């Protein structure tokens, strides 16, 4: 009877080992699959980062170009306002467009100095 019990115990242990071996193989396959997916995602991430850098660089160049255009436009507008002031008209928000009658206006001068800075 004891021998039979011992044999059953050994057979149960063998089944447990086989079950553990199957679980271990499944785990190895899962880890291999996860490593492949990780590598794929790393590669895709690298490509996306490069693309983002390209887009940001292009956007920065575009914005710098627009800033230059805006700076030119502001200069032209300032010149027009300064010309109107010297022709004898107010350019301040208080009396815009009305005649200065030869007197200097502190509001206009302040405004023109702000635009110039």
PDB file of N, CA and C in Angstrom:
ATOM      1  N   UNK A   1       0.804  -1.188   0.000  1.00  0.00           N
ATOM      2  CA  UNK A   1       0.000   0.000   0.000  1.00  0.00           C
ATOM      3  C   UNK A   1       0.860   1.270   0.000  1.00  0.00           C
ATOM      4  N   UNK A   2       1.906   1.224   0.771  1.00  0.00           N
ATOM      5  CA  UNK A   2       2.788   2.391   0.827  1.00  0.00           C
ATOM      6  C   UNK A   2       3.443   2.634  -0.516  1.00  0.00           C
ATOM      7  N   UNK A   3       3.799   1.547  -1.216  1.00  0.00           N
ATOM      8  CA  UNK A   3       4.436   1.700  -2.522  1.00  0.00           C
ATOM      9  C   UNK A   3       3.473   2.362  -3.510  1.00  0.00           C
ATOM     10  N   UNK A   4       2.237   1.958  -3.415  1.00  0.00           N
ATOM     11  CA  UNK A   4       1.221   2.512  -4.313  1.00  0.00           C
ATOM     12  C   UNK A   4       1.064   4.007  -4.037  1.00  0.00           C
ATOM     13  N   UNK A   5       1.045   4.394  -2.784  1.00  0.00           N
ATOM     14  CA  UNK A   5       0.943   5.789  -2.388  1.00  0.00           C
ATOM     15  C   UNK A   5       2.140   6.590  -2.890  1.00  0.00           C
ATOM     16  N   UNK A   6       3.305   6.027  -2.760  1.00  0.00           N
ATOM     17  CA  UNK A   6       4.526   6.677  -3.212  1.00  0.00           C
ATOM     18  C   UNK A   6       4.499   6.856  -4.726  1.00  0.00           C
ATOM     19  N   UNK A   7       4.079   5.834  -5.441  1.00  0.00           N
ATOM     20  CA  UNK A   7       3.986   5.894  -6.899  1.00  0.00           C
ATOM     21  C   UNK A   7       2.975   6.959  -7.324  1.00  0.00           C
ATOM     22  N   UNK A   8       1.847   7.060  -6.649  1.00  0.00           N
ATOM     23  CA  UNK A   8       0.841   8.090  -6.954  1.00  0.00           C
ATOM     24  C   UNK A   8       1.417   9.489  -6.718  1.00  0.00           C
ATOM     25  N   UNK A   9       2.184   9.625  -5.659  1.00  0.00           N
ATOM     26  CA  UNK A   9       2.788  10.910  -5.336  1.00  0.00           C
ATOM     27  C   UNK A   9       3.786  11.310  -6.415  1.00  0.00           C
ATOM     28  N   UNK A  10       4.600  10.363  -6.882  1.00  0.00           N
ATOM     29  CA  UNK A  10       5.571  10.638  -7.940  1.00  0.00           C
ATOM     30  C   UNK A  10       4.853  11.004  -9.223  1.00  0.00           C
ATOM     31  N   UNK A  11       3.770  10.322  -9.544  1.00  0.00           N
ATOM     32  CA  UNK A  11       3.012  10.614 -10.771  1.00  0.00           C
ATOM     33  C   UNK A  11       2.351  12.001 -10.683  1.00  0.00           C
ATOM     34  N   UNK A  12       1.839  12.345  -9.506  1.00  0.00           N
ATOM     35  CA  UNK A  12       1.260  13.678  -9.320  1.00  0.00           C
ATOM     36  C   UNK A  12       2.337  14.754  -9.491  1.00  0.00           C
ATOM     37  N   UNK A  13       3.514  14.480  -8.928  1.00  0.00           N
ATOM     38  CA  UNK A  13       4.620  15.422  -9.043  1.00  0.00           C
ATOM     39  C   UNK A  13       5.023  15.597 -10.509  1.00  0.00           C
ATOM     40  N   UNK A  14       5.042  14.482 -11.262  1.00  0.00           N
ATOM     41  CA  UNK A  14       5.370  14.533 -12.687  1.00  0.00           C
ATOM     42  C   UNK A  14       4.347  15.378 -13.446  1.00  0.00           C
ATOM     43  N   UNK A  15       3.067  15.242 -13.125  1.00  0.00           N
ATOM     44  CA  UNK A  15       2.026  16.032 -13.786  1.00  0.00           C
ATOM     45  C   UNK A  15       2.177  17.522 -13.447  1.00  0.00           C
ATOM     46  N   UNK A  16       2.534  17.782 -12.201  1.00  0.00           N
ATOM     47  CA  UNK A  16       2.752  19.166 -11.800  1.00  0.00           C
ATOM     48  C   UNK A  16       3.934  19.769 -12.568  1.00  0.00           C
ATOM     49  N   UNK A  17       5.017  18.966 -12.719  1.00  0.00           N
ATOM     50  CA  UNK A  17       6.173  19.442 -13.475  1.00  0.00           C
ATOM     51  C   UNK A  17       5.804  19.718 -14.941  1.00  0.00           C
ATOM     52  N   UNK A  18       5.027  18.831 -15.536  1.00  0.00           N
ATOM     53  CA  UNK A  18       4.599  19.030 -16.919  1.00  0.00           C
ATOM     54  C   UNK A  18       3.730  20.282 -17.047  1.00  0.00           C
ATOM     55  N   UNK A  19       2.845  20.468 -16.075  1.00  0.00           N
ATOM     56  CA  UNK A  19       1.984  21.654 -16.075  1.00  0.00           C
ATOM     57  C   UNK A  19       2.839  22.926 -15.932  1.00  0.00           C
ATOM     58  N   UNK A  20       3.824  22.876 -15.045  1.00  0.00           N
ATOM     59  CA  UNK A  20       4.705  24.023 -14.859  1.00  0.00           C
ATOM     60  C   UNK A  20       5.528  24.285 -16.119  1.00  0.00           C
ATOM     61  N   UNK A  21       5.971  23.196 -16.801  1.00  0.00           N
ATOM     62  CA  UNK A  21       6.722  23.340 -18.037  1.00  0.00           C
ATOM     63  C   UNK A  21       5.862  24.017 -19.107  1.00  0.00           C
ATOM     64  N   UNK A  22       4.591  23.641 -19.205  1.00  0.00           N
ATOM     65  CA  UNK A  22       3.682  24.274 -20.165  1.00  0.00           C
ATOM     66  C   UNK A  22       3.487  25.754 -19.833  1.00  0.00           C
ATOM     67  N   UNK A  23       3.319  26.056 -18.542  1.00  0.00           N
ATOM     68  CA  UNK A  23       3.163  27.452 -18.127  1.00  0.00           C
ATOM     69  C   UNK A  23       4.431  28.251 -18.428  1.00  0.00           C
ATOM     70  N   UNK A  24       5.584  27.626 -18.189  1.00  0.00           N
ATOM     71  CA  UNK A  24       6.859  28.294 -18.452  1.00  0.00           C
ATOM     72  C   UNK A  24       7.022  28.577 -19.944  1.00  0.00           C
ATOM     73  N   UNK A  25       6.670  27.620 -20.794  1.00  0.00           N
ATOM     74  CA  UNK A  25       6.746  27.819 -22.246  1.00  0.00           C
ATOM     75  C   UNK A  25       5.796  28.926 -22.696  1.00  0.00           C
ATOM     76  N   UNK A  26       4.583  28.928 -22.132  1.00  0.00           N
ATOM     77  CA  UNK A  26       3.624  29.982 -22.473  1.00  0.00           C
ATOM     78  C   UNK A  26       4.180  31.343 -22.048  1.00  0.00           C
ATOM     79  N   UNK A  27       4.812  31.397 -20.879  1.00  0.00           N
ATOM     80  CA  UNK A  27       5.401  32.636 -20.394  1.00  0.00           C
ATOM     81  C   UNK A  27       6.547  33.090 -21.303  1.00  0.00           C
ATOM     82  N   UNK A  28       7.392  32.159 -21.762  1.00  0.00           N
ATOM     83  CA  UNK A  28       8.478  32.503 -22.678  1.00  0.00           C
ATOM     84  C   UNK A  28       7.934  33.085 -23.978  1.00  0.00           C
ATOM     85  N   UNK A  29       6.880  32.472 -24.503  1.00  0.00           N
ATOM     86  CA  UNK A  29       6.286  32.977 -25.753  1.00  0.00           C
ATOM     87  C   UNK A  29       5.700  34.371 -25.536  1.00  0.00           C
ATOM     88  N   UNK A  30       5.063  34.566 -24.388  1.00  0.00           N
ATOM     89  CA  UNK A  30       4.486  35.876 -24.083  1.00  0.00           C
ATOM     90  C   UNK A  30       5.579  36.935 -23.969  1.00  0.00           C
ATOM     91  N   UNK A  31       6.669  36.619 -23.270  1.00  0.00           N
ATOM     92  CA  UNK A  31       7.780  37.567 -23.110  1.00  0.00           C
ATOM     93  C   UNK A  31       8.409  37.879 -24.465  1.00  0.00           C
ATOM     94  N   UNK A  32       8.586  36.871 -25.300  1.00  0.00           N
ATOM     95  CA  UNK A  32       9.153  37.095 -26.639  1.00  0.00           C
ATOM     96  C   UNK A  32       8.247  38.027 -27.449  1.00  0.00           C
ATOM     97  N   UNK A  33       6.939  37.767 -27.381  1.00  0.00           N
ATOM     98  CA  UNK A  33       5.979  38.623 -28.102  1.00  0.00           C
ATOM     99  C   UNK A  33       6.035  40.051 -27.564  1.00  0.00           C
ATOM    100  N   UNK A  34       6.096  40.217 -26.264  1.00  0.00           N
ATOM    101  CA  UNK A  34       6.154  41.550 -25.655  1.00  0.00           C
ATOM    102  C   UNK A  34       7.448  42.277 -26.038  1.00  0.00           C
ATOM    103  N   UNK A  35       8.562  41.551 -26.111  1.00  0.00           N
ATOM    104  CA  UNK A  35       9.825  42.175 -26.504  1.00  0.00           C
ATOM    105  C   UNK A  35       9.763  42.642 -27.954  1.00  0.00           C
ATOM    106  N   UNK A  36       9.160  41.851 -28.833  1.00  0.00           N
ATOM    107  CA  UNK A  36       9.006  42.262 -30.231  1.00  0.00           C
ATOM    108  C   UNK A  36       8.133  43.510 -30.325  1.00  0.00           C
ATOM    109  N   UNK A  37       7.030  43.510 -29.595  1.00  0.00           N
ATOM    110  CA  UNK A  37       6.124  44.652 -29.613  1.00  0.00           C
ATOM    111  C   UNK A  37       6.825  45.899 -29.043  1.00  0.00           C
ATOM    112  N   UNK A  38       7.605  45.698 -27.986  1.00  0.00           N
ATOM    113  CA  UNK A  38       8.358  46.806 -27.390  1.00  0.00           C
ATOM    114  C   UNK A  38       9.337  47.394 -28.406  1.00  0.00           C
ATOM    115  N   UNK A  39      10.035  46.556 -29.127  1.00  0.00           N
ATOM    116  CA  UNK A  39      10.984  47.024 -30.140  1.00  0.00           C
ATOM    117  C   UNK A  39      10.257  47.783 -31.249  1.00  0.00           C
ATOM    118  N   UNK A  40       9.114  47.256 -31.673  1.00  0.00           N
ATOM    119  CA  UNK A  40       8.325  47.923 -32.707  1.00  0.00           C
ATOM    120  C   UNK A  40       7.874  49.301 -32.232  1.00  0.00           C
ATOM    121  N   UNK A  41       7.400  49.379 -30.997  1.00  0.00           N
ATOM    122  CA  UNK A  41       6.947  50.659 -30.454  1.00  0.00           C
ATOM    123  C   UNK A  41       8.099  51.653 -30.286  1.00  0.00           C
ATOM    124  N   UNK A  42       9.262  51.161 -29.889  1.00  0.00           N
ATOM    125  CA  UNK A  42      10.423  52.043 -29.768  1.00  0.00           C
ATOM    126  C   UNK A  42      10.797  52.633 -31.129  1.00  0.00           C
ATOM    127  N   UNK A  43      10.791  51.791 -32.155  1.00  0.00           N
ATOM    128  CA  UNK A  43      11.113  52.256 -33.504  1.00  0.00           C
ATOM    129  C   UNK A  43      10.086  53.281 -33.976  1.00  0.00           C
ATOM    130  N   UNK A  44       8.807  52.983 -33.769  1.00  0.00           N
ATOM    131  CA  UNK A  44       7.753  53.908 -34.170  1.00  0.00           C
ATOM    132  C   UNK A  44       7.871  55.229 -33.400  1.00  0.00           C
ATOM    133  N   UNK A  45       8.166  55.135 -32.116  1.00  0.00           N
ATOM    134  CA  UNK A  45       8.338  56.327 -31.282  1.00  0.00           C
ATOM    135  C   UNK A  45       9.492  57.187 -31.800  1.00  0.00           C
ATOM    136  N   UNK A  46      10.590  56.542 -32.166  1.00  0.00           N
ATOM    137  CA  UNK A  46      11.742  57.267 -32.697  1.00  0.00           C
ATOM    138  C   UNK A  46      11.356  58.007 -33.988  1.00  0.00           C
ATOM    139  N   UNK A  47      10.624  57.328 -34.871  1.00  0.00           N
ATOM    140  CA  UNK A  47      10.200  57.966 -36.127  1.00  0.00           C
ATOM    141  C   UNK A  47       9.249  59.129 -35.851  1.00  0.00           C
ATOM    142  N   UNK A  48       8.345  58.956 -34.889  1.00  0.00           N
ATOM    143  CA  UNK A  48       7.411  60.033 -34.567  1.00  0.00           C
ATOM    144  C   UNK A  48       8.131  61.229 -33.960  1.00  0.00           C
ATOM    145  N   UNK A  49       9.139  60.981 -33.132  1.00  0.00           N
ATOM    146  CA  UNK A  49       9.906  62.086 -32.544  1.00  0.00           C
ATOM    147  C   UNK A  49      10.648  62.865 -33.638  1.00  0.00           C
ATOM    148  N   UNK A  50      11.237  62.134 -34.588  1.00  0.00           N
ATOM    149  CA  UNK A  50      11.923  62.804 -35.695  1.00  0.00           C
ATOM    150  C   UNK A  50      10.942  63.649 -36.495  1.00  0.00           C
ATOM    151  N   UNK A  51       9.770  63.105 -36.757  1.00  0.00           N
ATOM    152  CA  UNK A  51       8.750  63.825 -37.532  1.00  0.00           C
ATOM    153  C   UNK A  51       8.285  65.068 -36.770  1.00  0.00           C
ATOM    154  N   UNK A  52       8.109  64.927 -35.450  1.00  0.00           N
ATOM    155  CA  UNK A  52       7.704  66.059 -34.634  1.00  0.00           C
ATOM    156  C   UNK A  52       8.766  67.155 -34.652  1.00  0.00           C
ATOM    157  N   UNK A  53      10.024  66.757 -34.551  1.00  0.00           N
ATOM    158  CA  UNK A  53      11.109  67.736 -34.614  1.00  0.00           C
ATOM    159  C   UNK A  53      11.111  68.461 -35.955  1.00  0.00           C
ATOM    160  N   UNK A  54      10.876  67.721 -37.042  1.00  0.00           N
ATOM    161  CA  UNK A  54      10.817  68.342 -38.362  1.00  0.00           C
ATOM    162  C   UNK A  54       9.678  69.354 -38.437  1.00  0.00           C
ATOM    163  N   UNK A  55       8.502  68.955 -37.926  1.00  0.00           N
ATOM    164  CA  UNK A  55       7.345  69.841 -37.972  1.00  0.00           C
ATOM    165  C   UNK A  55       7.558  71.083 -37.110  1.00  0.00           C
ATOM    166  N   UNK A  56       8.126  70.891 -35.918  1.00  0.00           N
ATOM    167  CA  UNK A  56       8.377  72.033 -35.036  1.00  0.00           C
ATOM    168  C   UNK A  56       9.411  72.977 -35.644  1.00  0.00           C
ATOM    169  N   UNK A  57      10.424  72.410 -36.268  1.00  0.00           N
ATOM    170  CA  UNK A  57      11.446  73.224 -36.920  1.00  0.00           C
ATOM    171  C   UNK A  57      10.826  74.029 -38.059  1.00  0.00           C
ATOM    172  N   UNK A  58       9.999  73.368 -38.858  1.00  0.00           N
ATOM    173  CA  UNK A  58       9.333  74.048 -39.970  1.00  0.00           C
ATOM    174  C   UNK A  58       8.405  75.145 -39.448  1.00  0.00           C
ATOM    175  N   UNK A  59       7.667  74.851 -38.377  1.00  0.00           N
ATOM    176  CA  UNK A  59       6.756  75.839 -37.800  1.00  0.00           C
ATOM    177  C   UNK A  59       7.525  77.032 -37.247  1.00  0.00           C
ATOM    178  N   UNK A  60       8.664  76.759 -36.611  1.00  0.00           N
ATOM    179  CA  UNK A  60       9.476  77.843 -36.050  1.00  0.00           C
ATOM    180  C   UNK A  60       9.984  78.746 -37.174  1.00  0.00           C
ATOM    181  N   UNK A  61      10.428  78.140 -38.276  1.00  0.00           N
ATOM    182  CA  UNK A  61      10.905  78.934 -39.413  1.00  0.00           C
ATOM    183  C   UNK A  61       9.778  79.762 -40.004  1.00  0.00           C
ATOM    184  N   UNK A  62       8.587  79.171 -40.078  1.00  0.00           N
ATOM    185  CA  UNK A  62       7.431  79.882 -40.611  1.00  0.00           C
ATOM    186  C   UNK A  62       7.075  81.058 -39.715  1.00  0.00           C
ATOM    187  N   UNK A  63       7.088  80.829 -38.393  1.00  0.00           N
ATOM    188  CA  UNK A  63       6.760  81.904 -37.459  1.00  0.00           C
ATOM    189  C   UNK A  63       7.796  83.015 -37.507  1.00  0.00           C
ATOM    190  N   UNK A  64       9.064  82.659 -37.665  1.00  0.00           N
ATOM    191  CA  UNK A  64      10.094  83.685 -37.761  1.00  0.00           C
ATOM    192  C   UNK A  64       9.885  84.525 -39.012  1.00  0.00           C
ATOM    193  N   UNK A  65       9.493  83.869 -40.089  1.00  0.00           N
ATOM    194  CA  UNK A  65       9.198  84.598 -41.319  1.00  0.00           C
ATOM    195  C   UNK A  65       8.025  85.541 -41.139  1.00  0.00           C
ATOM    196  N   UNK A  66       6.985  85.082 -40.418  1.00  0.00           N
ATOM    197  CA  UNK A  66       5.824  85.931 -40.162  1.00  0.00           C
ATOM    198  C   UNK A  66       6.197  87.095 -39.270  1.00  0.00           C
ATOM    199  N   UNK A  67       7.059  86.857 -38.274  1.00  0.00           N
ATOM    200  CA  UNK A  67       7.477  87.941 -37.382  1.00  0.00           C
ATOM    201  C   UNK A  67       8.201  89.020 -38.163  1.00  0.00           C
ATOM    202  N   UNK A  68       9.025  88.610 -39.123  1.00  0.00           N
ATOM    203  CA  UNK A  68       9.721  89.593 -39.943  1.00  0.00           C
ATOM    204  C   UNK A  68       8.723  90.401 -40.756  1.00  0.00           C
ATOM    205  N   UNK A  69       7.703  89.726 -41.324  1.00  0.00           N
ATOM    206  CA  UNK A  69       6.675  90.423 -42.093  1.00  0.00           C
ATOM    207  C   UNK A  69       5.914  91.390 -41.207  1.00  0.00           C
ATOM    208  N   UNK A  70       5.565  90.956 -39.983  1.00  0.00           N
ATOM    209  CA  UNK A  70       4.836  91.811 -39.052  1.00  0.00           C
ATOM    210  C   UNK A  70       5.696  93.009 -38.674  1.00  0.00           C
ATOM    211  N   UNK A  71       6.994  92.778 -38.440  1.00  0.00           N
ATOM    212  CA  UNK A  71       7.880  93.879 -38.081  1.00  0.00           C
ATOM    213  C   UNK A  71       7.925  94.907 -39.209  1.00  0.00           C
ATOM    214  N   UNK A  72       7.938  94.444 -40.441  1.00  0.00           N
ATOM    215  CA  UNK A  72       7.935  95.370 -41.567  1.00  0.00           C
ATOM    216  C   UNK A  72       6.625  96.139 -41.620  1.00  0.00           C
ATOM    217  N   UNK A  73       5.513  95.461 -41.379  1.00  0.00           N
ATOM    218  CA  UNK A  73       4.208  96.108 -41.399  1.00  0.00           C
ATOM    219  C   UNK A  73       4.102  97.146 -40.289  1.00  0.00           C
ATOM    220  N   UNK A  74       4.589  96.823 -39.101  1.00  0.00           N
ATOM    221  CA  UNK A  74       4.542  97.763 -37.987  1.00  0.00           C
ATOM    222  C   UNK A  74       5.375  98.990 -38.311  1.00  0.00           C
ATOM    223  N   UNK A  75       6.542  98.810 -38.883  1.00  0.00           N
ATOM    224  CA  UNK A  75       7.392  99.938 -39.257  1.00  0.00           C
ATOM    225  C   UNK A  75       6.713 100.846 -40.250  1.00  0.00           C
ATOM    226  N   UNK A  76       6.040 100.275 -41.209  1.00  0.00           N
ATOM    227  CA  UNK A  76       5.343 101.068 -42.218  1.00  0.00           C
ATOM    228  C   UNK A  76       4.189 101.842 -41.581  1.00  0.00           C
ATOM    229  N   UNK A  77       3.454 101.176 -40.683  1.00  0.00           N
ATOM    230  CA  UNK A  77       2.349 101.854 -39.992  1.00  0.00           C
ATOM    231  C   UNK A  77       2.847 102.991 -39.120  1.00  0.00           C
ATOM    232  N   UNK A  78       3.940 102.757 -38.440  1.00  0.00           N
ATOM    233  CA  UNK A  78       4.534 103.800 -37.599  1.00  0.00           C
ATOM    234  C   UNK A  78       4.948 104.992 -38.447  1.00  0.00           C
ATOM    235  N   UNK A  79       5.572 104.705 -39.563  1.00  0.00           N
ATOM    236  CA  UNK A  79       5.992 105.789 -40.457  1.00  0.00           C
ATOM    237  C   UNK A  79       4.795 106.617 -40.921  1.00  0.00           C
ATOM    238  N   UNK A  80       3.685 105.935 -41.235  1.00  0.00           N
ATOM    239  CA  UNK A  80       2.485 106.657 -41.670  1.00  0.00           C
ATOM    240  C   UNK A  80       1.929 107.535 -40.553  1.00  0.00           C
ATOM    241  N   UNK A  81       1.898 107.003 -39.334  1.00  0.00           N
ATOM    242  CA  UNK A  81       1.398 107.796 -38.211  1.00  0.00           C
ATOM    243  C   UNK A  81       2.311 108.982 -37.926  1.00  0.00           C
ATOM    244  N   UNK A  82       3.618 108.765 -37.980  1.00  0.00           N
ATOM    245  CA  UNK A  82       4.565 109.853 -37.749  1.00  0.00           C
ATOM    246  C   UNK A  82       4.401 110.931 -38.822  1.00  0.00           C
ATOM    247  N   UNK A  83       4.196 110.522 -40.057  1.00  0.00           N
ATOM    248  CA  UNK A  83       3.985 111.470 -41.156  1.00  0.00           C
ATOM    249  C   UNK A  83       2.714 112.278 -40.913  1.00  0.00           C
ATOM    250  N   UNK A  84       1.621 111.603 -40.497  1.00  0.00           N
ATOM    251  CA  UNK A  84       0.375 112.319 -40.212  1.00  0.00           C
ATOM    252  C   UNK A  84       0.564 113.319 -39.079  1.00  0.00           C
ATOM    253  N   UNK A  85       1.323 112.925 -38.061  1.00  0.00           N
ATOM    254  CA  UNK A  85       1.567 113.830 -36.927  1.00  0.00           C
ATOM    255  C   UNK A  85       2.317 115.073 -37.392  1.00  0.00           C
ATOM    256  N   UNK A  86       3.345 114.858 -38.212  1.00  0.00           N
ATOM    257  CA  UNK A  86       4.137 115.991 -38.698  1.00  0.00           C
ATOM    258  C   UNK A  86       3.356 116.854 -39.686  1.00  0.00           C
ATOM    259  N   UNK A  87       2.330 116.300 -40.285  1.00  0.00           N
ATOM    260  CA  UNK A  87       1.469 117.106 -41.163  1.00  0.00           C
ATOM    261  C   UNK A  87       0.454 117.918 -40.366  1.00  0.00           C
ATOM    262  N   UNK A  88       0.422 117.680 -39.035  1.00  0.00           N
ATOM    263  CA  UNK A  88      -0.441 118.518 -38.192  1.00  0.00           C
ATOM    264  C   UNK A  88      -1.702 117.833 -37.700  1.00  0.00           C
ATOM    265  N   UNK A  89      -1.754 116.501 -37.715  1.00  0.00           N
ATOM    266  CA  UNK A  89      -2.940 115.780 -37.251  1.00  0.00           C
ATOM    267  C   UNK A  89      -2.612 114.954 -36.003  1.00  0.00           C
ATOM    268  N   UNK A  90      -3.624 114.769 -35.154  1.00  0.00           N
ATOM    269  CA  UNK A  90      -3.473 113.914 -33.963  1.00  0.00           C
ATOM    270  C   UNK A  90      -3.464 112.441 -34.389  1.00  0.00           C
ATOM    271  N   UNK A  91      -2.590 111.656 -33.738  1.00  0.00           N
ATOM    272  CA  UNK A  91      -2.553 110.203 -33.964  1.00  0.00           C
ATOM    273  C   UNK A  91      -2.855 109.450 -32.674  1.00  0.00           C
ATOM    274  N   UNK A  92      -3.140 110.173 -31.604  1.00  0.00           N
ATOM    275  CA  UNK A  92      -3.465 109.526 -30.324  1.00  0.00           C
ATOM    276  C   UNK A  92      -4.924 109.089 -30.329  1.00  0.00           C
ATOM    277  N   UNK A  93      -5.267 108.233 -29.390  1.00  0.00           N
ATOM    278  CA  UNK A  93      -6.638 107.717 -29.330  1.00  0.00           C
ATOM    279  C   UNK A  93      -7.631 108.775 -28.831  1.00  0.00           C
ATOM    280  N   UNK A  94      -7.129 109.810 -28.192  1.00  0.00           N
ATOM    281  CA  UNK A  94      -8.010 110.829 -27.638  1.00  0.00           C
ATOM    282  C   UNK A  94      -8.570 111.752 -28.734  1.00  0.00           C
ATOM    283  N   UNK A  95      -7.715 112.206 -29.636  1.00  0.00           N
ATOM    284  CA  UNK A  95      -8.124 113.189 -30.654  1.00  0.00           C
ATOM    285  C   UNK A  95      -7.781 112.727 -32.066  1.00  0.00           C
ATOM    286  N   UNK A  96      -7.767 111.452 -32.324  1.00  0.00           N
ATOM    287  CA  UNK A  96      -7.277 110.914 -33.588  1.00  0.00           C
ATOM    288  C   UNK A  96      -7.939 111.605 -34.790  1.00  0.00           C
ATOM    289  N   UNK A  97      -7.069 112.074 -35.706  1.00  0.00           N
ATOM    290  CA  UNK A  97      -7.536 112.641 -36.963  1.00  0.00           C
ATOM    291  C   UNK A  97      -7.859 114.120 -36.934  1.00  0.00           C
ATOM    292  N   UNK A  98      -8.004 114.681 -35.758  1.00  0.00           N
ATOM    293  CA  UNK A  98      -8.312 116.118 -35.719  1.00  0.00           C
ATOM    294  C   UNK A  98      -7.020 116.928 -35.857  1.00  0.00           C
ATOM    295  N   UNK A  99      -7.166 118.177 -36.233  1.00  0.00           N
ATOM    296  CA  UNK A  99      -6.008 119.037 -36.465  1.00  0.00           C
ATOM    297  C   UNK A  99      -5.348 119.415 -35.138  1.00  0.00           C
ATOM    298  N   UNK A 100      -4.008 119.445 -35.121  1.00  0.00           N
ATOM    299  CA  UNK A 100      -3.260 119.820 -33.918  1.00  0.00           C
ATOM    300  C   UNK A 100      -3.116 121.332 -33.807  1.00  0.00           C
ATOM    301  N   UNK A 101      -3.346 122.047 -34.836  1.00  0.00           N
ATOM    302  CA  UNK A 101      -3.234 123.508 -34.872  1.00  0.00           C
ATOM    303  C   UNK A 101      -1.846 123.970 -34.454  1.00  0.00           C
ATOM    304  N   UNK A 102      -0.824 123.225 -34.848  1.00  0.00           N
ATOM    305  CA  UNK A 102       0.553 123.619 -34.610  1.00  0.00           C
ATOM    306  C   UNK A 102       1.071 123.326 -33.213  1.00  0.00           C
ATOM    307  N   UNK A 103       0.233 122.809 -32.318  1.00  0.00           N
ATOM    308  CA  UNK A 103       0.676 122.526 -30.954  1.00  0.00           C
ATOM    309  C   UNK A 103       1.059 121.051 -30.835  1.00  0.00           C
ATOM    310  N   UNK A 104       2.070 120.784 -30.014  1.00  0.00           N
ATOM    311  CA  UNK A 104       2.433 119.386 -29.760  1.00  0.00           C
ATOM    312  C   UNK A 104       1.420 118.756 -28.805  1.00  0.00           C
ATOM    313  N   UNK A 105       1.188 117.488 -28.990  1.00  0.00           N
ATOM    314  CA  UNK A 105       0.253 116.735 -28.133  1.00  0.00           C
ATOM    315  C   UNK A 105       1.036 115.675 -27.382  1.00  0.00           C
ATOM    316  N   UNK A 106       0.958 115.712 -26.053  1.00  0.00           N
ATOM    317  CA  UNK A 106       1.699 114.730 -25.247  1.00  0.00           C
ATOM    318  C   UNK A 106       1.195 113.312 -25.475  1.00  0.00           C
ATOM    319  N   UNK A 107      -0.122 113.165 -25.707  1.00  0.00           N
ATOM    320  CA  UNK A 107      -0.666 111.830 -25.966  1.00  0.00           C
ATOM    321  C   UNK A 107      -0.095 111.255 -27.266  1.00  0.00           C
ATOM    322  N   UNK A 108      -0.063 112.089 -28.287  1.00  0.00           N
ATOM    323  CA  UNK A 108       0.483 111.644 -29.582  1.00  0.00           C
ATOM    324  C   UNK A 108       1.968 111.300 -29.458  1.00  0.00           C
ATOM    325  N   UNK A 109       2.709 112.170 -28.801  1.00  0.00           N
ATOM    326  CA  UNK A 109       4.147 111.929 -28.656  1.00  0.00           C
ATOM    327  C   UNK A 109       4.398 110.658 -27.837  1.00  0.00           C
ATOM    328  N   UNK A 110       3.621 110.455 -26.785  1.00  0.00           N
ATOM    329  CA  UNK A 110       3.757 109.247 -25.972  1.00  0.00           C
ATOM    330  C   UNK A 110       3.451 108.000 -26.809  1.00  0.00           C
ATOM    331  N   UNK A 111       2.379 108.092 -27.593  1.00  0.00           N
ATOM    332  CA  UNK A 111       1.987 106.983 -28.449  1.00  0.00           C
ATOM    333  C   UNK A 111       3.069 106.673 -29.470  1.00  0.00           C
ATOM    334  N   UNK A 112       3.606 107.690 -30.105  1.00  0.00           N
ATOM    335  CA  UNK A 112       4.651 107.486 -31.107  1.00  0.00           C
ATOM    336  C   UNK A 112       5.924 106.940 -30.462  1.00  0.00           C
ATOM    337  N   UNK A 113       6.229 107.347 -29.263  1.00  0.00           N
ATOM    338  CA  UNK A 113       7.412 106.811 -28.569  1.00  0.00           C
ATOM    339  C   UNK A 113       7.227 105.351 -28.201  1.00  0.00           C
ATOM    340  N   UNK A 114       5.996 104.949 -27.837  1.00  0.00           N
ATOM    341  CA  UNK A 114       5.720 103.526 -27.529  1.00  0.00           C
ATOM    342  C   UNK A 114       5.894 102.681 -28.783  1.00  0.00           C
ATOM    343  N   UNK A 115       5.380 103.147 -29.889  1.00  0.00           N
ATOM    344  CA  UNK A 115       5.469 102.405 -31.145  1.00  0.00           C
ATOM    345  C   UNK A 115       6.915 102.276 -31.591  1.00  0.00           C
ATOM    346  N   UNK A 116       7.733 103.263 -31.277  1.00  0.00           N
ATOM    347  CA  UNK A 116       9.123 103.275 -31.702  1.00  0.00           C
ATOM    348  C   UNK A 116       9.970 102.321 -30.871  1.00  0.00           C
ATOM    349  N   UNK A 117       9.572 102.032 -29.619  1.00  0.00           N
ATOM    350  CA  UNK A 117      10.385 101.174 -28.729  1.00  0.00           C
ATOM    351  C   UNK A 117      10.253  99.736 -29.057  1.00  0.00           C
TER     352      UNK A 117
END
